[in-house]
């Protein structure tokens, strides 16, 4: 079985070395990823495609968030699964993306609790399993990628600022009216009681 793992640095394809791991219970899979040595016994890196530019990482991550196939992922799948004509099942995190890959490339895609636990174990020891990817650089890339994606998703709208200004002016007008009404009542009340006494 092959497992696709998406990272901020690129796409990784891991091969499950321990075939018993696939049919194992979720708790048993957890035990197989306690240390990085245990993880290396159970899974090995089959292929890794690093993003060349930050813009590539941004575009690919944006496509993944929408459960769509990006250009980089298409090339990666063609190079590592379709051209070598591998018949092994492919496991990944996103069920919708898995259905899209199965439909487009006719690849046997699996999505089970055990595969999700294996992916979780791989992510736990990702930097021990990957070659040529620095953990510190990857953390900085994750941070800048998350900021860029949030900036892209949460766009600034001038209309929202205008609405706040209009509401503030309306509030000031309402307060002015309330103060005038209160002061007139106070004046009437004061005049009424001063005339009597």
N, C-alpha and C. Protein backbone atom coordinates (compact mmCIF):
# COMPACT_ATOMS: atom_id res chain seq x y z
N UNK A 1 0.84 -1.18 0.00
CA UNK A 1 0.00 0.00 0.00
C UNK A 1 0.88 1.24 0.00
N UNK A 2 0.47 2.24 -0.77
CA UNK A 2 1.15 3.52 -0.81
C UNK A 2 0.31 4.56 -0.08
N UNK A 3 1.00 5.50 0.56
CA UNK A 3 0.30 6.54 1.30
C UNK A 3 0.79 7.90 0.84
N UNK A 4 -0.16 8.76 0.44
CA UNK A 4 0.16 10.11 0.00
C UNK A 4 0.05 11.05 1.20
N UNK A 5 1.13 11.78 1.45
CA UNK A 5 1.15 12.74 2.55
C UNK A 5 1.48 14.11 1.98
N UNK A 6 0.62 15.08 2.23
CA UNK A 6 0.85 16.44 1.77
C UNK A 6 1.50 17.23 2.89
N UNK A 7 2.59 17.91 2.58
CA UNK A 7 3.26 18.77 3.56
C UNK A 7 3.42 20.15 2.96
N UNK A 8 3.87 21.10 3.77
CA UNK A 8 4.14 22.45 3.28
C UNK A 8 5.34 22.46 2.35
N UNK A 9 6.23 21.48 2.50
CA UNK A 9 7.44 21.41 1.68
C UNK A 9 7.20 20.71 0.35
N UNK A 10 6.22 19.80 0.29
CA UNK A 10 5.96 19.07 -0.95
C UNK A 10 5.09 17.85 -0.71
N UNK A 11 5.04 16.99 -1.71
CA UNK A 11 4.25 15.76 -1.63
C UNK A 11 5.16 14.58 -1.35
N UNK A 12 4.72 13.72 -0.42
CA UNK A 12 5.48 12.52 -0.09
C UNK A 12 4.64 11.28 -0.35
N UNK A 13 5.28 10.27 -0.88
CA UNK A 13 4.62 8.99 -1.11
C UNK A 13 5.37 7.95 -0.29
N UNK A 14 4.67 7.33 0.65
CA UNK A 14 5.27 6.35 1.55
C UNK A 14 4.73 4.96 1.24
N UNK A 15 5.59 3.97 1.42
CA UNK A 15 5.21 2.58 1.19
C UNK A 15 5.10 1.89 2.55
N UNK A 16 4.00 1.19 2.77
CA UNK A 16 3.81 0.44 4.01
C UNK A 16 4.58 -0.86 3.89
N UNK A 17 5.60 -1.03 4.73
CA UNK A 17 6.46 -2.22 4.70
C UNK A 17 5.83 -3.38 5.45
N UNK A 18 5.12 -3.08 6.52
CA UNK A 18 4.48 -4.10 7.36
C UNK A 18 3.04 -4.28 6.88
N UNK A 19 2.78 -5.35 6.14
CA UNK A 19 1.44 -5.58 5.57
C UNK A 19 0.38 -5.83 6.65
N UNK A 20 0.80 -6.31 7.83
CA UNK A 20 -0.14 -6.55 8.93
C UNK A 20 -0.69 -5.24 9.48
N UNK A 21 0.04 -4.17 9.25
CA UNK A 21 -0.34 -2.86 9.76
C UNK A 21 -1.67 -2.39 9.18
N UNK A 22 -1.94 -2.74 7.94
CA UNK A 22 -3.15 -2.28 7.24
C UNK A 22 -4.41 -2.86 7.86
N UNK A 23 -4.37 -4.13 8.27
CA UNK A 23 -5.54 -4.77 8.87
C UNK A 23 -5.59 -4.60 10.38
N UNK A 24 -4.58 -3.97 10.97
CA UNK A 24 -4.51 -3.84 12.42
C UNK A 24 -5.56 -2.89 12.97
N UNK A 25 -5.80 -3.04 14.27
CA UNK A 25 -6.69 -2.14 14.99
C UNK A 25 -5.99 -0.79 15.16
N UNK A 26 -6.76 0.26 15.35
CA UNK A 26 -6.21 1.61 15.47
C UNK A 26 -5.23 1.71 16.64
N UNK A 27 -5.54 1.07 17.76
CA UNK A 27 -4.65 1.12 18.93
C UNK A 27 -3.33 0.40 18.67
N UNK A 28 -3.38 -0.67 17.89
CA UNK A 28 -2.16 -1.40 17.55
C UNK A 28 -1.28 -0.57 16.60
N UNK A 29 -1.92 0.17 15.71
CA UNK A 29 -1.17 1.02 14.77
C UNK A 29 -0.44 2.12 15.54
N UNK A 30 -1.10 2.66 16.56
CA UNK A 30 -0.48 3.69 17.39
C UNK A 30 0.84 3.20 17.98
N UNK A 31 0.86 1.95 18.42
CA UNK A 31 2.06 1.38 19.04
C UNK A 31 3.20 1.23 18.04
N UNK A 32 2.86 1.10 16.76
CA UNK A 32 3.89 0.94 15.72
C UNK A 32 4.59 2.25 15.37
N UNK A 33 4.09 3.37 15.89
CA UNK A 33 4.68 4.67 15.59
C UNK A 33 5.10 5.41 16.85
N UNK A 34 5.46 4.66 17.89
CA UNK A 34 5.87 5.28 19.15
C UNK A 34 7.19 6.01 18.98
N UNK A 35 8.15 5.38 18.32
CA UNK A 35 9.45 6.01 18.07
C UNK A 35 9.70 6.10 16.57
N UNK A 36 10.69 6.89 16.21
CA UNK A 36 11.01 7.03 14.77
C UNK A 36 11.59 5.73 14.21
N UNK A 37 12.30 4.93 15.05
CA UNK A 37 12.83 3.65 14.59
C UNK A 37 11.70 2.68 14.25
N UNK A 38 10.67 2.67 15.11
CA UNK A 38 9.49 1.82 14.85
C UNK A 38 8.80 2.28 13.56
N UNK A 39 8.72 3.58 13.38
CA UNK A 39 8.07 4.12 12.18
C UNK A 39 8.83 3.70 10.93
N UNK A 40 10.17 3.75 10.98
CA UNK A 40 11.00 3.35 9.82
C UNK A 40 10.84 1.87 9.48
N UNK A 41 10.57 1.04 10.50
CA UNK A 41 10.36 -0.38 10.24
C UNK A 41 9.03 -0.62 9.50
N UNK A 42 8.05 0.21 9.79
CA UNK A 42 6.71 0.00 9.25
C UNK A 42 6.44 0.72 7.93
N UNK A 43 7.03 1.90 7.74
CA UNK A 43 6.84 2.64 6.48
C UNK A 43 8.18 3.17 6.00
N UNK A 44 8.29 3.31 4.69
CA UNK A 44 9.51 3.89 4.11
C UNK A 44 9.13 4.89 3.04
N UNK A 45 10.00 5.85 2.82
CA UNK A 45 9.75 6.87 1.81
C UNK A 45 9.93 6.27 0.43
N UNK A 46 8.92 6.33 -0.39
CA UNK A 46 8.98 5.83 -1.76
C UNK A 46 9.41 6.95 -2.70
N UNK A 47 8.82 8.13 -2.52
CA UNK A 47 9.16 9.27 -3.37
C UNK A 47 8.77 10.56 -2.66
N UNK A 48 9.52 11.62 -2.95
CA UNK A 48 9.18 12.94 -2.39
C UNK A 48 9.43 13.99 -3.46
N UNK A 49 8.46 14.85 -3.65
CA UNK A 49 8.56 15.94 -4.62
C UNK A 49 8.48 17.26 -3.87
N UNK A 50 9.59 17.96 -3.81
CA UNK A 50 9.66 19.22 -3.09
C UNK A 50 9.14 20.36 -3.97
N UNK A 51 8.40 21.29 -3.36
CA UNK A 51 7.94 22.45 -4.11
C UNK A 51 9.13 23.33 -4.45
N UNK A 52 9.19 23.77 -5.70
CA UNK A 52 10.34 24.56 -6.15
C UNK A 52 10.28 26.00 -5.65
N UNK A 53 9.08 26.57 -5.65
CA UNK A 53 8.89 27.96 -5.24
C UNK A 53 7.77 28.03 -4.21
N UNK A 54 7.75 29.14 -3.49
CA UNK A 54 6.70 29.36 -2.50
C UNK A 54 5.34 29.45 -3.19
N UNK A 55 5.30 30.07 -4.36
CA UNK A 55 4.04 30.22 -5.09
C UNK A 55 3.46 28.85 -5.46
N UNK A 56 4.33 27.89 -5.79
CA UNK A 56 3.86 26.53 -6.08
C UNK A 56 3.20 25.91 -4.85
N UNK A 57 3.84 26.09 -3.69
CA UNK A 57 3.29 25.56 -2.44
C UNK A 57 1.94 26.21 -2.14
N UNK A 58 1.87 27.51 -2.37
CA UNK A 58 0.62 28.24 -2.12
C UNK A 58 -0.50 27.73 -3.03
N UNK A 59 -0.21 27.62 -4.32
CA UNK A 59 -1.22 27.17 -5.29
C UNK A 59 -1.69 25.74 -5.00
N UNK A 60 -0.73 24.85 -4.71
CA UNK A 60 -1.08 23.45 -4.44
C UNK A 60 -1.90 23.32 -3.15
N UNK A 61 -1.51 24.04 -2.11
CA UNK A 61 -2.24 23.98 -0.84
C UNK A 61 -3.64 24.55 -1.00
N UNK A 62 -3.75 25.61 -1.77
CA UNK A 62 -5.06 26.21 -2.02
C UNK A 62 -5.97 25.23 -2.75
N UNK A 63 -5.44 24.50 -3.72
CA UNK A 63 -6.22 23.48 -4.44
C UNK A 63 -6.62 22.35 -3.49
N UNK A 64 -5.69 21.93 -2.62
CA UNK A 64 -5.99 20.85 -1.68
C UNK A 64 -7.09 21.25 -0.70
N UNK A 65 -7.09 22.51 -0.29
CA UNK A 65 -8.13 22.99 0.63
C UNK A 65 -9.51 22.92 -0.02
N UNK A 66 -9.54 23.05 -1.33
CA UNK A 66 -10.80 22.97 -2.07
C UNK A 66 -11.08 21.55 -2.56
N UNK A 67 -10.27 20.59 -2.15
CA UNK A 67 -10.36 19.18 -2.58
C UNK A 67 -10.29 19.05 -4.09
N UNK A 68 -9.33 19.75 -4.67
CA UNK A 68 -9.11 19.69 -6.12
C UNK A 68 -7.68 19.25 -6.38
N UNK A 69 -7.44 18.74 -7.58
CA UNK A 69 -6.10 18.30 -7.98
C UNK A 69 -5.33 19.48 -8.56
N UNK A 70 -4.18 19.78 -7.96
CA UNK A 70 -3.30 20.81 -8.50
C UNK A 70 -2.37 20.22 -9.55
N UNK A 71 -1.70 21.09 -10.29
CA UNK A 71 -0.78 20.63 -11.34
C UNK A 71 0.35 19.79 -10.77
N UNK A 72 0.89 20.22 -9.63
CA UNK A 72 1.99 19.50 -9.01
C UNK A 72 1.59 18.10 -8.58
N UNK A 73 0.39 17.97 -8.01
CA UNK A 73 -0.09 16.66 -7.57
C UNK A 73 -0.35 15.75 -8.77
N UNK A 74 -0.88 16.31 -9.84
CA UNK A 74 -1.12 15.51 -11.06
C UNK A 74 0.20 14.96 -11.60
N UNK A 75 1.22 15.82 -11.68
CA UNK A 75 2.54 15.38 -12.17
C UNK A 75 3.14 14.33 -11.26
N UNK A 76 2.99 14.54 -9.95
CA UNK A 76 3.54 13.61 -8.96
C UNK A 76 2.90 12.24 -9.09
N UNK A 77 1.58 12.20 -9.22
CA UNK A 77 0.87 10.92 -9.36
C UNK A 77 1.23 10.23 -10.67
N UNK A 78 1.31 10.99 -11.75
CA UNK A 78 1.67 10.40 -13.05
C UNK A 78 3.07 9.81 -13.01
N UNK A 79 4.00 10.55 -12.42
CA UNK A 79 5.40 10.12 -12.39
C UNK A 79 5.60 8.89 -11.52
N UNK A 80 4.94 8.84 -10.37
CA UNK A 80 5.23 7.80 -9.38
C UNK A 80 4.26 6.62 -9.35
N UNK A 81 3.06 6.79 -9.88
CA UNK A 81 2.09 5.69 -9.83
C UNK A 81 1.65 5.24 -11.22
N UNK A 82 1.31 6.18 -12.08
CA UNK A 82 0.75 5.82 -13.39
C UNK A 82 1.82 5.31 -14.35
N UNK A 83 2.93 6.04 -14.50
CA UNK A 83 3.99 5.60 -15.44
C UNK A 83 4.62 4.28 -15.03
N UNK A 84 4.95 4.07 -13.74
CA UNK A 84 5.49 2.75 -13.36
C UNK A 84 4.43 1.65 -13.32
N UNK A 85 3.16 2.03 -13.53
CA UNK A 85 2.03 1.09 -13.55
C UNK A 85 1.92 0.29 -12.25
N UNK A 86 1.94 1.01 -11.13
CA UNK A 86 1.78 0.36 -9.83
C UNK A 86 0.31 0.04 -9.60
N UNK A 87 0.05 -1.14 -9.08
CA UNK A 87 -1.32 -1.56 -8.81
C UNK A 87 -1.66 -1.54 -7.33
N UNK A 88 -0.79 -0.97 -6.53
CA UNK A 88 -1.03 -0.93 -5.09
C UNK A 88 -2.08 0.12 -4.76
N UNK A 89 -2.87 -0.12 -3.72
CA UNK A 89 -3.85 0.89 -3.33
C UNK A 89 -3.16 2.14 -2.76
N UNK A 90 -3.80 3.28 -2.92
CA UNK A 90 -3.28 4.55 -2.44
C UNK A 90 -4.18 5.06 -1.33
N UNK A 91 -3.59 5.41 -0.19
CA UNK A 91 -4.35 5.96 0.93
C UNK A 91 -4.00 7.43 1.07
N UNK A 92 -5.02 8.23 1.39
CA UNK A 92 -4.79 9.66 1.63
C UNK A 92 -5.81 10.20 2.61
N UNK A 93 -5.61 11.45 3.03
CA UNK A 93 -6.43 12.05 4.10
C UNK A 93 -7.81 12.50 3.64
N UNK A 94 -7.89 13.05 2.45
CA UNK A 94 -9.12 13.67 1.97
C UNK A 94 -9.93 12.68 1.13
N UNK A 95 -11.11 12.34 1.63
CA UNK A 95 -11.96 11.37 0.95
C UNK A 95 -12.44 11.90 -0.41
N UNK A 96 -12.77 13.18 -0.47
CA UNK A 96 -13.24 13.78 -1.73
C UNK A 96 -12.14 13.78 -2.77
N UNK A 97 -10.93 14.15 -2.34
CA UNK A 97 -9.78 14.14 -3.24
C UNK A 97 -9.49 12.72 -3.71
N UNK A 98 -9.65 11.75 -2.82
CA UNK A 98 -9.46 10.35 -3.18
C UNK A 98 -10.42 9.90 -4.27
N UNK A 99 -11.68 10.31 -4.14
CA UNK A 99 -12.67 9.99 -5.16
C UNK A 99 -12.33 10.61 -6.51
N UNK A 100 -11.79 11.82 -6.48
CA UNK A 100 -11.39 12.51 -7.71
C UNK A 100 -10.22 11.81 -8.38
N UNK A 101 -9.24 11.38 -7.57
CA UNK A 101 -8.08 10.66 -8.11
C UNK A 101 -8.51 9.32 -8.70
N UNK A 102 -9.41 8.64 -8.00
CA UNK A 102 -9.90 7.34 -8.49
C UNK A 102 -10.63 7.50 -9.82
N UNK A 103 -11.43 8.54 -9.92
CA UNK A 103 -12.20 8.79 -11.14
C UNK A 103 -11.30 9.19 -12.31
N UNK A 104 -10.33 10.07 -12.05
CA UNK A 104 -9.50 10.61 -13.13
C UNK A 104 -8.42 9.64 -13.60
N UNK A 105 -7.74 8.98 -12.64
CA UNK A 105 -6.59 8.14 -12.98
C UNK A 105 -6.83 6.64 -12.81
N UNK A 106 -8.01 6.27 -12.36
CA UNK A 106 -8.35 4.86 -12.16
C UNK A 106 -7.37 4.17 -11.20
N UNK A 107 -7.04 4.88 -10.13
CA UNK A 107 -6.16 4.35 -9.09
C UNK A 107 -7.04 3.86 -7.94
N UNK A 108 -6.72 2.70 -7.39
CA UNK A 108 -7.46 2.16 -6.26
C UNK A 108 -7.13 2.99 -5.02
N UNK A 109 -8.10 3.75 -4.54
CA UNK A 109 -7.90 4.65 -3.40
C UNK A 109 -8.63 4.10 -2.18
N UNK A 110 -7.96 4.10 -1.03
CA UNK A 110 -8.60 3.64 0.21
C UNK A 110 -8.62 4.77 1.22
N UNK A 111 -9.66 4.73 2.05
CA UNK A 111 -9.83 5.72 3.11
C UNK A 111 -10.50 5.01 4.27
N UNK A 112 -9.70 4.56 5.23
CA UNK A 112 -10.24 3.85 6.39
C UNK A 112 -9.65 4.45 7.66
N UNK A 113 -10.17 4.02 8.80
CA UNK A 113 -9.64 4.50 10.08
C UNK A 113 -8.18 4.08 10.26
N UNK A 114 -7.85 2.87 9.82
CA UNK A 114 -6.47 2.40 9.99
C UNK A 114 -5.51 3.19 9.10
N UNK A 115 -5.93 3.53 7.88
CA UNK A 115 -5.03 4.34 7.02
C UNK A 115 -4.87 5.75 7.59
N UNK A 116 -5.93 6.27 8.18
CA UNK A 116 -5.83 7.60 8.79
C UNK A 116 -4.86 7.58 9.97
N UNK A 117 -4.88 6.50 10.72
CA UNK A 117 -3.96 6.37 11.86
C UNK A 117 -2.52 6.21 11.37
N UNK A 118 -2.32 5.50 10.27
CA UNK A 118 -0.97 5.36 9.69
C UNK A 118 -0.47 6.73 9.23
N UNK A 119 -1.33 7.50 8.58
CA UNK A 119 -0.96 8.86 8.14
C UNK A 119 -0.60 9.73 9.34
N UNK A 120 -1.37 9.59 10.42
CA UNK A 120 -1.08 10.35 11.64
C UNK A 120 0.30 9.97 12.19
N UNK A 121 0.62 8.68 12.16
CA UNK A 121 1.93 8.22 12.61
C UNK A 121 3.05 8.74 11.73
N UNK A 122 2.82 8.77 10.42
CA UNK A 122 3.83 9.30 9.49
C UNK A 122 4.06 10.78 9.78
N UNK A 123 2.98 11.53 9.98
CA UNK A 123 3.12 12.97 10.26
C UNK A 123 3.85 13.22 11.57
N UNK A 124 3.68 12.32 12.53
CA UNK A 124 4.37 12.47 13.82
C UNK A 124 5.88 12.39 13.64
N UNK A 125 6.35 11.48 12.80
CA UNK A 125 7.79 11.29 12.59
C UNK A 125 8.20 11.69 11.17
N UNK A 126 7.55 12.69 10.63
CA UNK A 126 7.74 13.07 9.24
C UNK A 126 9.18 13.45 8.92
N UNK A 127 9.81 14.24 9.77
CA UNK A 127 11.15 14.74 9.46
C UNK A 127 12.23 13.69 9.65
N UNK A 128 11.94 12.64 10.42
CA UNK A 128 12.86 11.52 10.51
C UNK A 128 12.74 10.61 9.29
N UNK A 129 11.55 10.58 8.69
CA UNK A 129 11.31 9.73 7.53
C UNK A 129 11.71 10.40 6.21
N UNK A 130 11.61 11.73 6.15
CA UNK A 130 11.96 12.45 4.93
C UNK A 130 13.46 12.71 4.86
N UNK A 131 13.98 12.71 3.65
CA UNK A 131 15.40 12.99 3.44
C UNK A 131 15.50 14.35 2.74
N UNK A 132 16.35 15.22 3.25
CA UNK A 132 16.59 16.50 2.59
C UNK A 132 15.60 17.59 2.96
N UNK A 133 14.78 17.37 3.98
CA UNK A 133 13.83 18.40 4.42
C UNK A 133 14.17 18.76 5.86
N UNK A 134 14.51 20.02 6.07
CA UNK A 134 14.88 20.51 7.39
C UNK A 134 13.61 20.89 8.15
N UNK A 135 13.53 20.49 9.40
CA UNK A 135 12.33 20.74 10.20
C UNK A 135 12.12 22.24 10.45
N UNK A 136 13.21 22.97 10.73
CA UNK A 136 13.10 24.41 11.00
C UNK A 136 12.62 25.17 9.77
N UNK A 137 13.19 24.83 8.61
CA UNK A 137 12.77 25.48 7.36
C UNK A 137 11.31 25.17 7.06
N UNK A 138 10.92 23.95 7.33
CA UNK A 138 9.54 23.53 7.08
C UNK A 138 8.57 24.26 8.00
N UNK A 139 8.96 24.50 9.25
CA UNK A 139 8.10 25.24 10.18
C UNK A 139 7.90 26.67 9.70
N UNK A 140 8.99 27.30 9.23
CA UNK A 140 8.88 28.67 8.70
C UNK A 140 8.00 28.69 7.46
N UNK A 141 8.14 27.68 6.62
CA UNK A 141 7.33 27.59 5.41
C UNK A 141 5.85 27.41 5.77
N UNK A 142 5.57 26.57 6.77
CA UNK A 142 4.19 26.37 7.22
C UNK A 142 3.59 27.68 7.71
N UNK A 143 4.37 28.42 8.48
CA UNK A 143 3.89 29.68 9.04
C UNK A 143 3.59 30.69 7.94
N UNK A 144 4.52 30.87 7.02
CA UNK A 144 4.31 31.84 5.95
C UNK A 144 3.19 31.39 5.01
N UNK A 145 3.08 30.09 4.80
CA UNK A 145 2.01 29.56 3.95
C UNK A 145 0.64 29.78 4.60
N UNK A 146 0.55 29.56 5.90
CA UNK A 146 -0.73 29.77 6.58
C UNK A 146 -1.13 31.24 6.57
N UNK A 147 -0.15 32.14 6.74
CA UNK A 147 -0.45 33.58 6.68
C UNK A 147 -0.93 33.97 5.29
N UNK A 148 -0.26 33.47 4.27
CA UNK A 148 -0.65 33.80 2.89
C UNK A 148 -2.03 33.26 2.56
N UNK A 149 -2.32 32.04 2.98
CA UNK A 149 -3.63 31.45 2.71
C UNK A 149 -4.74 32.21 3.42
N UNK A 150 -4.49 32.62 4.66
CA UNK A 150 -5.49 33.40 5.39
C UNK A 150 -5.70 34.76 4.74
N UNK A 151 -4.62 35.37 4.31
CA UNK A 151 -4.72 36.67 3.63
C UNK A 151 -5.52 36.51 2.33
N UNK A 152 -5.33 35.41 1.65
CA UNK A 152 -6.03 35.13 0.40
C UNK A 152 -7.52 34.86 0.65
N UNK A 153 -7.83 34.10 1.68
CA UNK A 153 -9.21 33.73 1.97
C UNK A 153 -10.00 34.88 2.59
N UNK A 154 -9.37 35.63 3.49
CA UNK A 154 -10.06 36.73 4.17
C UNK A 154 -9.69 38.04 3.49
N UNK A 155 -10.34 38.32 2.40
CA UNK A 155 -10.02 39.52 1.63
C UNK A 155 -10.58 40.76 2.31
N UNK A 156 -9.87 41.89 2.15
CA UNK A 156 -10.32 43.17 2.68
C UNK A 156 -11.46 43.70 1.83
N UNK A 157 -12.48 44.20 2.47
CA UNK A 157 -13.62 44.75 1.74
C UNK A 157 -13.86 46.18 2.20
N UNK A 158 -13.83 47.12 1.26
CA UNK A 158 -14.08 48.52 1.58
C UNK A 158 -15.53 48.72 2.01
N UNK A 159 -16.43 47.90 1.51
CA UNK A 159 -17.84 48.00 1.89
C UNK A 159 -18.03 47.79 3.38
N UNK A 160 -17.26 46.88 3.95
CA UNK A 160 -17.38 46.60 5.38
C UNK A 160 -17.00 47.83 6.20
N UNK A 161 -15.96 48.55 5.77
CA UNK A 161 -15.53 49.76 6.48
C UNK A 161 -16.60 50.83 6.36
N UNK A 162 -17.19 50.98 5.16
CA UNK A 162 -18.26 51.96 4.95
C UNK A 162 -19.45 51.67 5.85
N UNK A 163 -19.79 50.41 5.98
CA UNK A 163 -20.92 50.03 6.83
C UNK A 163 -20.66 50.44 8.27
N UNK A 164 -19.44 50.25 8.75
CA UNK A 164 -19.11 50.63 10.13
C UNK A 164 -19.24 52.14 10.32
N UNK A 165 -18.80 52.92 9.34
CA UNK A 165 -18.88 54.38 9.44
C UNK A 165 -20.34 54.83 9.43
N UNK A 166 -21.14 54.26 8.55
CA UNK A 166 -22.57 54.61 8.49
C UNK A 166 -23.26 54.26 9.80
N UNK A 167 -22.93 53.10 10.37
CA UNK A 167 -23.53 52.71 11.64
C UNK A 167 -23.10 53.65 12.77
N UNK A 168 -21.84 54.08 12.76
CA UNK A 168 -21.36 55.00 13.79
C UNK A 168 -22.07 56.35 13.69
N UNK A 169 -22.25 56.87 12.48
CA UNK A 169 -22.96 58.14 12.28
C UNK A 169 -24.41 58.00 12.72
N UNK A 170 -25.04 56.88 12.37
CA UNK A 170 -26.42 56.63 12.78
C UNK A 170 -26.55 56.57 14.30
N UNK A 171 -25.58 55.95 14.95
CA UNK A 171 -25.57 55.87 16.41
C UNK A 171 -25.45 57.25 17.03
N UNK A 172 -24.58 58.10 16.47
CA UNK A 172 -24.42 59.47 16.98
C UNK A 172 -25.72 60.26 16.82
N UNK A 173 -26.39 60.12 15.69
CA UNK A 173 -27.67 60.81 15.47
C UNK A 173 -28.72 60.34 16.46
N UNK A 174 -28.79 59.04 16.70
CA UNK A 174 -29.75 58.50 17.66
C UNK A 174 -29.46 59.01 19.07
N UNK A 175 -28.19 59.06 19.44
CA UNK A 175 -27.81 59.58 20.76
C UNK A 175 -28.17 61.05 20.89
N UNK A 176 -27.96 61.82 19.82
CA UNK A 176 -28.29 63.24 19.83
C UNK A 176 -29.79 63.44 20.05
N UNK A 177 -30.62 62.64 19.36
CA UNK A 177 -32.07 62.73 19.53
C UNK A 177 -32.48 62.37 20.95
N UNK A 178 -31.90 61.30 21.48
CA UNK A 178 -32.24 60.86 22.83
C UNK A 178 -31.86 61.91 23.87
N UNK A 179 -30.69 62.53 23.69
CA UNK A 179 -30.25 63.58 24.62
C UNK A 179 -31.20 64.78 24.55
N UNK A 180 -31.59 65.18 23.34
CA UNK A 180 -32.54 66.30 23.18
C UNK A 180 -33.87 65.99 23.85
N UNK A 181 -34.40 64.79 23.63
CA UNK A 181 -35.68 64.40 24.25
C UNK A 181 -35.55 64.41 25.76
N UNK A 182 -34.47 63.87 26.28
CA UNK A 182 -34.26 63.81 27.73
C UNK A 182 -34.13 65.22 28.31
N UNK A 183 -33.38 66.09 27.63
CA UNK A 183 -33.19 67.46 28.15
C UNK A 183 -34.51 68.24 28.10
N UNK A 184 -35.35 68.04 27.07
CA UNK A 184 -36.65 68.71 27.01
C UNK A 184 -37.56 68.22 28.13
N UNK A 185 -37.56 66.94 28.41
CA UNK A 185 -38.37 66.41 29.50
C UNK A 185 -37.90 66.96 30.84
N UNK A 186 -36.59 67.01 31.00
CA UNK A 186 -36.02 67.54 32.24
C UNK A 186 -36.40 69.01 32.41
N UNK A 187 -36.33 69.77 31.33
CA UNK A 187 -36.68 71.20 31.36
C UNK A 187 -38.16 71.36 31.71
N UNK A 188 -39.04 70.58 31.06
CA UNK A 188 -40.47 70.65 31.35
C UNK A 188 -40.75 70.25 32.80
N UNK A 189 -40.10 69.21 33.25
CA UNK A 189 -40.27 68.73 34.62
C UNK A 189 -39.81 69.80 35.61
N UNK A 190 -38.70 70.42 35.36
CA UNK A 190 -38.14 71.44 36.24
C UNK A 190 -39.05 72.66 36.29
N UNK A 191 -39.53 73.11 35.11
CA UNK A 191 -40.41 74.29 35.06
C UNK A 191 -41.73 74.02 35.77
N UNK A 192 -42.26 72.82 35.62
CA UNK A 192 -43.54 72.47 36.24
C UNK A 192 -43.43 72.52 37.75
N UNK A 193 -42.39 71.98 38.31
CA UNK A 193 -42.26 71.94 39.78
C UNK A 193 -41.79 73.27 40.34
N UNK A 194 -41.06 74.09 39.59
CA UNK A 194 -40.63 75.41 40.09
C UNK A 194 -41.79 76.40 40.09
N UNK A 195 -42.74 76.27 39.19
CA UNK A 195 -43.88 77.18 39.13
C UNK A 195 -44.80 76.91 40.32
N UNK A 196 -44.98 75.65 40.69
CA UNK A 196 -45.88 75.29 41.79
C UNK A 196 -45.34 75.80 43.10
N UNK A 197 -44.06 75.72 43.33
CA UNK A 197 -43.51 76.11 44.62
C UNK A 197 -43.27 77.57 44.58
